[in-house]
Amino acid sequence: MKKLSTLVILAALVTTLHAQISLEPRISLVAPMGDFKLPYEKAFLFRGAGGASAGFGIGADATYPIDLVDNLSLFGSVDFFFNGVSSKLKDNVASDNPEADIDFNSYLNIPVLTGLKYEYVVPDIYVRTYVKGGIGFDVFSISNFTIDAAEVDQNFTFKPIAAMAATFGMGVILMDQYTIGFEFMSLGNHTPNGEMEETKNNNLKSFDITETYSPQEMPIRVFRLTAGFLLF
């Protein structure tokens, strides 16, 4: 009997939460800002410059209303942002290594955030608007960066890094279903670390990136435009 009562309570709780939770899948256009965008080859990767190009993202928000305040909700979100390296940065690095075959890296950010979202209906035109702010963490990954030169080949592999993150944004909800918005996001300051393998005269050596290059923090700041829809 107790087990049956527990199952009934859990089922009621799940049904209630499902009825109140709103899920919003979305896509994003992700524009790098500041040092993350800086195409300065002398500072690339190890002196704070990322040389990142505009990229894209996919993710979702889940919101749950806070009964104590009208139109205020708690949200949780997760996204995947993909950015390559800009053509300007590639040209700058290639000009310093004219005879090398260079395979450039790309960037992946995975921000996981929670915060508050407030909705407001504009009078007369009945358009729902929202403003949101949140904090959490970001997992930052850099793919392999390889330089194949005549005498020396170098392959850089990087470890994922996590740091505190924050976001602030606003947008509109059209026809009670479709969303358009923008956000300014600080995804933390990340210090690249990992391993560099160097092949010279058929001899392979491995070096710790932190010990060899003493890398500096790379501040990850992005502006993103979003488009999504409310599932329920």
Protein backbone atom coordinates (compact mmCIF):
# COMPACT_ATOMS: atom_id res chain seq x y z
CA MET A 1 0.00 0.00 0.00
CA LYS A 2 2.84 2.36 0.88
CA LYS A 3 4.56 1.60 -2.44
CA LEU A 4 1.35 2.30 -4.32
CA SER A 5 0.88 5.61 -2.47
CA THR A 6 4.47 6.61 -3.24
CA LEU A 7 3.99 5.84 -6.94
CA VAL A 8 0.79 7.87 -7.04
CA ILE A 9 2.51 10.86 -5.39
CA LEU A 10 5.48 10.66 -7.77
CA ALA A 11 3.19 10.40 -10.79
CA ALA A 12 1.21 13.44 -9.61
CA LEU A 13 4.43 15.39 -9.04
CA VAL A 14 5.80 14.54 -12.50
CA THR A 15 2.47 15.45 -14.11
CA THR A 16 2.39 18.79 -12.28
CA LEU A 17 5.99 19.65 -13.20
CA HIS A 18 5.43 18.67 -16.83
CA ALA A 19 2.36 20.90 -16.99
CA GLN A 20 4.32 23.92 -15.73
CA ILE A 21 7.76 23.45 -17.30
CA SER A 22 8.31 25.13 -20.66
CA LEU A 23 11.01 23.73 -22.97
CA GLU A 24 12.58 25.91 -25.67
CA PRO A 25 14.96 24.30 -28.20
CA ARG A 26 16.92 26.94 -30.14
CA ILE A 27 19.70 27.67 -32.58
CA SER A 28 22.21 30.50 -32.23
CA LEU A 29 24.52 32.68 -34.27
CA VAL A 30 27.57 33.10 -32.04
CA ALA A 31 29.84 36.14 -32.56
CA PRO A 32 33.14 36.21 -30.61
CA MET A 33 34.15 39.40 -28.84
CA GLY A 34 37.33 40.94 -27.44
CA ASP A 35 40.44 38.79 -27.12
CA PHE A 36 38.55 35.68 -28.16
CA LYS A 37 38.11 37.32 -31.58
CA LEU A 38 41.54 39.02 -31.74
CA PRO A 39 43.43 37.78 -34.87
CA TYR A 40 46.91 38.61 -33.52
CA GLU A 41 49.26 35.79 -34.46
CA LYS A 42 51.91 36.70 -31.84
CA ALA A 43 49.35 36.16 -29.06
CA PHE A 44 47.48 33.24 -30.66
CA LEU A 45 46.41 30.54 -28.16
CA PHE A 46 49.16 31.10 -25.58
CA ARG A 47 49.00 34.89 -24.99
CA GLY A 48 45.26 35.33 -24.70
CA ALA A 49 44.16 35.74 -28.35
CA GLY A 50 41.77 33.25 -29.92
CA GLY A 51 41.34 34.60 -33.45
CA ALA A 52 37.88 33.01 -33.46
CA SER A 53 35.42 33.42 -36.31
CA ALA A 54 31.64 33.68 -36.07
CA GLY A 55 30.05 30.32 -35.35
CA PHE A 56 26.78 28.62 -34.50
CA GLY A 57 25.14 26.95 -31.55
CA ILE A 58 22.37 24.56 -30.56
CA GLY A 59 20.76 24.18 -27.17
CA ALA A 60 17.66 24.55 -25.04
CA ASP A 61 16.11 26.43 -22.12
CA ALA A 62 13.78 24.88 -19.55
CA THR A 63 11.75 27.36 -17.48
CA TYR A 64 9.60 26.84 -14.40
CA PRO A 65 7.31 29.58 -13.05
CA ILE A 66 7.89 31.06 -9.59
CA ASP A 67 4.44 31.37 -8.01
CA LEU A 68 5.42 34.15 -5.60
CA VAL A 69 5.99 36.67 -8.42
CA ASP A 70 3.82 37.01 -11.52
CA ASN A 71 5.61 36.41 -14.85
CA LEU A 72 8.87 35.42 -13.14
CA SER A 73 10.43 32.04 -13.90
CA LEU A 74 13.48 30.03 -13.00
CA PHE A 75 15.41 28.79 -16.05
CA GLY A 76 18.11 26.25 -16.72
CA SER A 77 19.96 25.98 -20.02
CA VAL A 78 22.65 24.09 -21.87
CA ASP A 79 24.17 25.01 -25.23
CA PHE A 80 26.92 23.88 -27.59
CA PHE A 81 28.81 26.68 -29.39
CA PHE A 82 31.11 25.92 -32.32
CA ASN A 83 33.64 28.50 -33.58
CA GLY A 84 36.46 28.14 -36.08
CA VAL A 85 39.52 30.33 -36.61
CA SER A 86 39.17 33.46 -38.73
CA SER A 87 40.71 33.67 -42.19
CA LYS A 88 42.64 36.78 -41.10
CA LEU A 89 44.32 34.88 -38.28
CA LYS A 90 45.10 31.98 -40.62
CA ASP A 91 46.72 34.37 -43.11
CA ASN A 92 48.77 36.02 -40.37
CA VAL A 93 50.06 32.68 -39.02
CA ALA A 94 50.72 31.33 -42.51
CA SER A 95 52.78 34.42 -43.41
CA ASP A 96 55.11 33.63 -40.49
CA ASN A 97 55.36 29.99 -41.63
CA PRO A 98 55.22 30.18 -45.46
CA GLU A 99 56.55 26.67 -46.07
CA ALA A 100 54.53 24.88 -43.39
CA ASP A 101 51.32 22.91 -43.76
CA ILE A 102 49.07 24.15 -40.94
CA ASP A 103 45.91 22.45 -39.68
CA PHE A 104 44.14 25.00 -37.49
CA ASN A 105 42.12 24.28 -34.38
CA SER A 106 38.49 25.05 -33.65
CA TYR A 107 36.67 25.91 -30.40
CA LEU A 108 33.79 24.32 -28.52
CA ASN A 109 32.04 26.01 -25.58
CA ILE A 110 29.39 24.24 -23.50
CA PRO A 111 27.75 26.76 -21.14
CA VAL A 112 25.46 25.32 -18.46
CA LEU A 113 23.51 28.13 -16.79
CA THR A 114 20.64 28.84 -14.41
CA GLY A 115 18.93 32.07 -13.47
CA LEU A 116 15.78 34.17 -13.64
CA LYS A 117 13.57 35.11 -16.59
CA TYR A 118 10.89 37.81 -16.46
CA GLU A 119 8.17 38.15 -19.10
CA TYR A 120 6.14 41.26 -19.93
CA VAL A 121 3.25 41.72 -22.35
CA VAL A 122 3.48 44.97 -24.33
CA PRO A 123 0.04 46.68 -24.17
CA ASP A 124 -2.03 47.16 -27.33
CA ILE A 125 0.19 44.97 -29.57
CA TYR A 126 0.12 41.99 -27.18
CA VAL A 127 3.70 40.93 -27.85
CA ARG A 128 5.38 39.03 -25.03
CA THR A 129 8.89 40.20 -24.24
CA TYR A 130 11.40 38.80 -21.78
CA VAL A 131 14.60 39.68 -19.99
CA LYS A 132 16.87 37.06 -18.43
CA GLY A 133 20.08 36.76 -16.45
CA GLY A 134 21.94 33.79 -15.12
CA ILE A 135 25.18 32.25 -13.91
CA GLY A 136 26.80 28.84 -14.13
CA PHE A 137 29.87 27.34 -15.75
CA ASP A 138 31.36 26.83 -19.20
CA VAL A 139 33.39 23.88 -20.48
CA PHE A 140 35.89 25.08 -23.10
CA SER A 141 37.62 22.74 -25.55
CA ILE A 142 40.24 23.41 -28.22
CA SER A 143 40.75 20.87 -31.00
CA ASN A 144 44.20 19.86 -32.25
CA PHE A 145 46.50 22.45 -33.81
CA THR A 146 49.19 21.03 -36.13
CA ILE A 147 52.17 22.56 -37.93
CA ASP A 148 54.02 20.34 -40.44
CA ALA A 149 57.25 22.05 -41.48
CA ALA A 150 60.23 20.84 -43.47
CA GLU A 151 62.37 19.94 -40.45
CA VAL A 152 59.99 19.93 -37.49
CA ASP A 153 56.39 18.75 -37.06
CA GLN A 154 54.40 19.96 -34.06
CA ASN A 155 51.02 18.69 -32.87
CA PHE A 156 49.23 20.47 -30.01
CA THR A 157 46.49 18.65 -28.11
CA PHE A 158 44.45 20.43 -25.44
CA LYS A 159 42.47 19.38 -22.38
CA PRO A 160 38.92 20.63 -21.67
CA ILE A 161 38.75 23.45 -19.10
CA ALA A 162 35.86 24.67 -16.93
CA ALA A 163 35.28 28.18 -15.60
CA MET A 164 32.49 30.32 -14.18
CA ALA A 165 30.11 31.86 -16.72
CA ALA A 166 27.29 34.41 -16.83
CA THR A 167 24.70 35.69 -19.30
CA PHE A 168 22.28 38.58 -19.76
CA GLY A 169 19.78 38.90 -22.58
CA MET A 170 16.31 39.81 -23.80
CA GLY A 171 13.93 38.93 -26.60
CA VAL A 172 10.36 38.51 -27.81
CA ILE A 173 7.88 35.63 -27.96
CA LEU A 174 5.73 35.69 -31.10
CA MET A 175 2.35 33.94 -31.40
CA ASP A 176 2.99 32.44 -27.93
CA GLN A 177 5.37 29.94 -29.54
CA TYR A 178 8.32 31.37 -31.50
CA THR A 179 11.21 33.18 -29.81
CA ILE A 180 13.84 35.63 -31.04
CA GLY A 181 16.46 37.03 -28.68
CA PHE A 182 20.01 38.08 -28.02
CA GLU A 183 22.46 37.60 -25.16
CA PHE A 184 25.80 38.92 -24.00
CA MET A 185 27.71 36.02 -22.48
CA SER A 186 30.86 35.89 -20.39
CA LEU A 187 32.07 32.31 -20.61
CA GLY A 188 35.01 32.62 -18.25
CA ASN A 189 38.77 33.05 -18.54
CA HIS A 190 40.41 29.84 -19.72
CA THR A 191 44.11 28.99 -19.68
CA PRO A 192 44.99 26.47 -22.44
CA ASN A 193 46.78 23.37 -21.22
CA GLY A 194 47.68 20.02 -22.73
CA GLU A 195 50.58 18.49 -24.62
CA MET A 196 52.74 19.31 -27.61
CA GLU A 197 54.37 16.49 -29.59
CA GLU A 198 57.38 17.46 -31.70
CA THR A 199 58.93 15.28 -34.38
CA LYS A 200 62.44 16.24 -35.52
CA ASN A 201 64.82 13.98 -37.44
CA ASN A 202 62.38 11.09 -36.81
CA ASN A 203 62.67 11.63 -33.05
CA LEU A 204 59.41 12.20 -31.17
CA LYS A 205 59.38 14.29 -28.00
CA SER A 206 56.46 15.37 -25.83
CA PHE A 207 56.23 18.64 -23.92
CA ASP A 208 53.75 19.92 -21.37
CA ILE A 209 52.16 23.09 -22.78
CA THR A 210 51.96 24.78 -19.38
CA GLU A 211 55.65 24.22 -18.60
CA THR A 212 56.89 25.02 -22.14
CA TYR A 213 54.77 28.04 -23.10
CA SER A 214 53.46 29.42 -19.77
CA PRO A 215 50.12 30.23 -21.44
CA GLN A 216 47.99 33.17 -20.35
CA GLU A 217 44.25 33.25 -19.79
CA MET A 218 41.99 33.58 -22.82
CA PRO A 219 38.82 35.55 -21.94
CA ILE A 220 35.81 34.04 -23.73
CA ARG A 221 33.14 36.66 -24.45
CA VAL A 222 30.41 36.19 -27.08
CA PHE A 223 27.29 37.91 -28.36
CA ARG A 224 24.63 35.61 -29.71
CA LEU A 225 21.36 35.86 -31.62
CA THR A 226 18.84 33.11 -30.93
CA ALA A 227 15.78 31.68 -32.64
CA GLY A 228 13.66 29.00 -31.03
CA PHE A 229 10.20 27.67 -30.32
CA LEU A 230 8.28 26.60 -27.23
CA LEU A 231 7.45 22.91 -27.19
CA PHE A 232 5.03 23.18 -24.24
